[in-house]
Amino acid sequence: MFGRIREAWNRSRAARRTEGGRQGEPRAHNLFEAAAAYVAACAQDDQEKIDEAAGWVSPEALSFGVNELACRAVVTLARERNESPRNVARALLGLPVT
């Protein structure tokens, strides 16, 4: 049990870690930076920035980051509105809240 928790924690730490390159080398982006930049660019309909952010990490990592960002955003909005995350998610998508 603790081995699985430790493994998940180590994967999470590795995903959040950003590596600083040598002088003059660009710093590598982590998946959460890529997801934040990608979603912000999508919201602004900026194709150039969308393409740039999508190139920072693998498509799988970007998908995971975008999913994590969506979950955190819905939970935050639900707390602010004192509503369930399900109702907030449905409202954001324009679906009827049941």
C-alpha atoms as a PDB file:
ATOM      1  CA  MET A   1       0.000   0.000   0.000  1.00  0.00           C
ATOM      2  CA  PHE A   2       2.684   2.490   1.042  1.00  0.00           C
ATOM      3  CA  GLY A   3       4.756   1.489  -1.972  1.00  0.00           C
ATOM      4  CA  ARG A   4       1.964   2.585  -4.308  1.00  0.00           C
ATOM      5  CA  ILE A   5       1.570   5.875  -2.473  1.00  0.00           C
ATOM      6  CA  ARG A   6       5.325   6.496  -2.608  1.00  0.00           C
ATOM      7  CA  GLU A   7       5.393   5.647  -6.323  1.00  0.00           C
ATOM      8  CA  ALA A   8       2.493   8.007  -7.075  1.00  0.00           C
ATOM      9  CA  TRP A   9       4.147  10.756  -5.052  1.00  0.00           C
ATOM     10  CA  ASN A  10       7.442  10.324  -6.903  1.00  0.00           C
ATOM     11  CA  ARG A  11       5.682  10.459 -10.285  1.00  0.00           C
ATOM     12  CA  SER A  12       3.836  13.587  -9.192  1.00  0.00           C
ATOM     13  CA  ARG A  13       7.057  15.214  -7.973  1.00  0.00           C
ATOM     14  CA  ALA A  14       8.828  14.382 -11.216  1.00  0.00           C
ATOM     15  CA  ALA A  15       5.970  15.839 -13.252  1.00  0.00           C
ATOM     16  CA  ARG A  16       6.037  19.093 -11.304  1.00  0.00           C
ATOM     17  CA  ARG A  17       9.809  19.448 -11.416  1.00  0.00           C
ATOM     18  CA  THR A  18      11.196  21.904 -13.912  1.00  0.00           C
ATOM     19  CA  GLU A  19      14.734  21.627 -15.047  1.00  0.00           C
ATOM     20  CA  GLY A  20      16.908  24.668 -15.478  1.00  0.00           C
ATOM     21  CA  GLY A  21      19.176  24.372 -18.468  1.00  0.00           C
ATOM     22  CA  ARG A  22      22.717  25.630 -18.812  1.00  0.00           C
ATOM     23  CA  GLN A  23      23.306  29.260 -19.630  1.00  0.00           C
ATOM     24  CA  GLY A  24      21.590  30.065 -22.905  1.00  0.00           C
ATOM     25  CA  GLU A  25      19.563  26.851 -23.019  1.00  0.00           C
ATOM     26  CA  PRO A  26      15.793  27.238 -22.648  1.00  0.00           C
ATOM     27  CA  ARG A  27      14.307  25.749 -19.495  1.00  0.00           C
ATOM     28  CA  ALA A  28      12.166  22.654 -19.963  1.00  0.00           C
ATOM     29  CA  HIS A  29       8.461  23.147 -19.255  1.00  0.00           C
ATOM     30  CA  ASN A  30       6.517  20.792 -17.045  1.00  0.00           C
ATOM     31  CA  LEU A  31       3.105  19.400 -17.923  1.00  0.00           C
ATOM     32  CA  PHE A  32       1.219  21.803 -15.656  1.00  0.00           C
ATOM     33  CA  GLU A  33       2.866  24.853 -17.236  1.00  0.00           C
ATOM     34  CA  ALA A  34       2.022  23.440 -20.650  1.00  0.00           C
ATOM     35  CA  ALA A  35      -1.593  22.780 -19.647  1.00  0.00           C
ATOM     36  CA  ALA A  36      -2.039  26.274 -18.193  1.00  0.00           C
ATOM     37  CA  ALA A  37      -0.554  27.925 -21.276  1.00  0.00           C
ATOM     38  CA  TYR A  38      -2.569  25.695 -23.613  1.00  0.00           C
ATOM     39  CA  VAL A  39      -5.914  26.325 -21.909  1.00  0.00           C
ATOM     40  CA  ALA A  40      -5.275  30.080 -21.645  1.00  0.00           C
ATOM     41  CA  ALA A  41      -4.363  30.192 -25.343  1.00  0.00           C
ATOM     42  CA  CYS A  42      -7.507  28.225 -26.242  1.00  0.00           C
ATOM     43  CA  ALA A  43      -9.619  30.657 -24.212  1.00  0.00           C
ATOM     44  CA  GLN A  44      -8.056  33.542 -26.144  1.00  0.00           C
ATOM     45  CA  ASP A  45      -8.289  31.682 -29.480  1.00  0.00           C
ATOM     46  CA  ASP A  46      -4.536  32.194 -30.069  1.00  0.00           C
ATOM     47  CA  GLN A  47      -3.492  29.371 -32.402  1.00  0.00           C
ATOM     48  CA  GLU A  48       0.194  30.302 -32.321  1.00  0.00           C
ATOM     49  CA  LYS A  49       0.341  29.993 -28.525  1.00  0.00           C
ATOM     50  CA  ILE A  50      -1.775  26.826 -28.630  1.00  0.00           C
ATOM     51  CA  ASP A  51       0.739  25.206 -30.971  1.00  0.00           C
ATOM     52  CA  GLU A  52       3.678  26.420 -28.869  1.00  0.00           C
ATOM     53  CA  ALA A  53       2.272  25.051 -25.602  1.00  0.00           C
ATOM     54  CA  ALA A  54       1.282  21.772 -27.262  1.00  0.00           C
ATOM     55  CA  GLY A  55       4.911  21.274 -28.269  1.00  0.00           C
ATOM     56  CA  TRP A  56       6.279  21.578 -24.732  1.00  0.00           C
ATOM     57  CA  VAL A  57       5.219  18.094 -23.589  1.00  0.00           C
ATOM     58  CA  SER A  58       3.855  14.889 -25.072  1.00  0.00           C
ATOM     59  CA  PRO A  59       0.180  14.801 -26.074  1.00  0.00           C
ATOM     60  CA  GLU A  60      -0.514  12.349 -23.259  1.00  0.00           C
ATOM     61  CA  ALA A  61       1.096  14.617 -20.665  1.00  0.00           C
ATOM     62  CA  LEU A  62      -0.780  17.635 -22.024  1.00  0.00           C
ATOM     63  CA  SER A  63      -4.060  15.714 -21.826  1.00  0.00           C
ATOM     64  CA  PHE A  64      -3.355  14.763 -18.213  1.00  0.00           C
ATOM     65  CA  GLY A  65      -2.456  18.374 -17.342  1.00  0.00           C
ATOM     66  CA  VAL A  66      -5.563  19.798 -18.984  1.00  0.00           C
ATOM     67  CA  ASN A  67      -7.714  17.232 -17.165  1.00  0.00           C
ATOM     68  CA  GLU A  68      -6.091  18.123 -13.833  1.00  0.00           C
ATOM     69  CA  LEU A  69      -6.609  21.840 -14.508  1.00  0.00           C
ATOM     70  CA  ALA A  70     -10.276  21.257 -15.370  1.00  0.00           C
ATOM     71  CA  CYS A  71     -10.848  19.251 -12.191  1.00  0.00           C
ATOM     72  CA  ARG A  72      -9.209  21.880 -10.016  1.00  0.00           C
ATOM     73  CA  ALA A  73     -11.131  24.694 -11.714  1.00  0.00           C
ATOM     74  CA  VAL A  74     -14.487  22.968 -11.260  1.00  0.00           C
ATOM     75  CA  VAL A  75     -13.785  22.182  -7.603  1.00  0.00           C
ATOM     76  CA  THR A  76     -12.715  25.790  -6.953  1.00  0.00           C
ATOM     77  CA  LEU A  77     -15.803  27.210  -8.658  1.00  0.00           C
ATOM     78  CA  ALA A  78     -18.049  24.761  -6.815  1.00  0.00           C
ATOM     79  CA  ARG A  79     -16.629  25.882  -3.477  1.00  0.00           C
ATOM     80  CA  GLU A  80     -17.016  29.563  -4.399  1.00  0.00           C
ATOM     81  CA  ARG A  81     -20.619  29.033  -5.528  1.00  0.00           C
ATOM     82  CA  ASN A  82     -21.475  26.591  -2.736  1.00  0.00           C
ATOM     83  CA  GLU A  83     -22.695  24.103  -5.359  1.00  0.00           C
ATOM     84  CA  SER A  84     -21.756  20.563  -6.291  1.00  0.00           C
ATOM     85  CA  PRO A  85     -18.904  20.063  -8.780  1.00  0.00           C
ATOM     86  CA  ARG A  86     -21.351  18.128 -10.987  1.00  0.00           C
ATOM     87  CA  ASN A  87     -23.753  21.074 -11.216  1.00  0.00           C
ATOM     88  CA  VAL A  88     -20.926  23.529 -11.872  1.00  0.00           C
ATOM     89  CA  ALA A  89     -19.449  21.345 -14.625  1.00  0.00           C
ATOM     90  CA  ARG A  90     -22.827  20.952 -16.304  1.00  0.00           C
ATOM     91  CA  ALA A  91     -23.521  24.699 -16.064  1.00  0.00           C
ATOM     92  CA  LEU A  92     -20.140  25.541 -17.586  1.00  0.00           C
ATOM     93  CA  LEU A  93     -20.930  23.300 -20.540  1.00  0.00           C
ATOM     94  CA  GLY A  94     -24.408  24.764 -20.940  1.00  0.00           C
ATOM     95  CA  LEU A  95     -26.121  21.539 -19.921  1.00  0.00           C
ATOM     96  CA  PRO A  96     -29.233  21.483 -17.760  1.00  0.00           C
ATOM     97  CA  VAL A  97     -28.471  21.151 -14.068  1.00  0.00           C
ATOM     98  CA  THR A  98     -30.470  18.299 -12.609  1.00  0.00           C
END
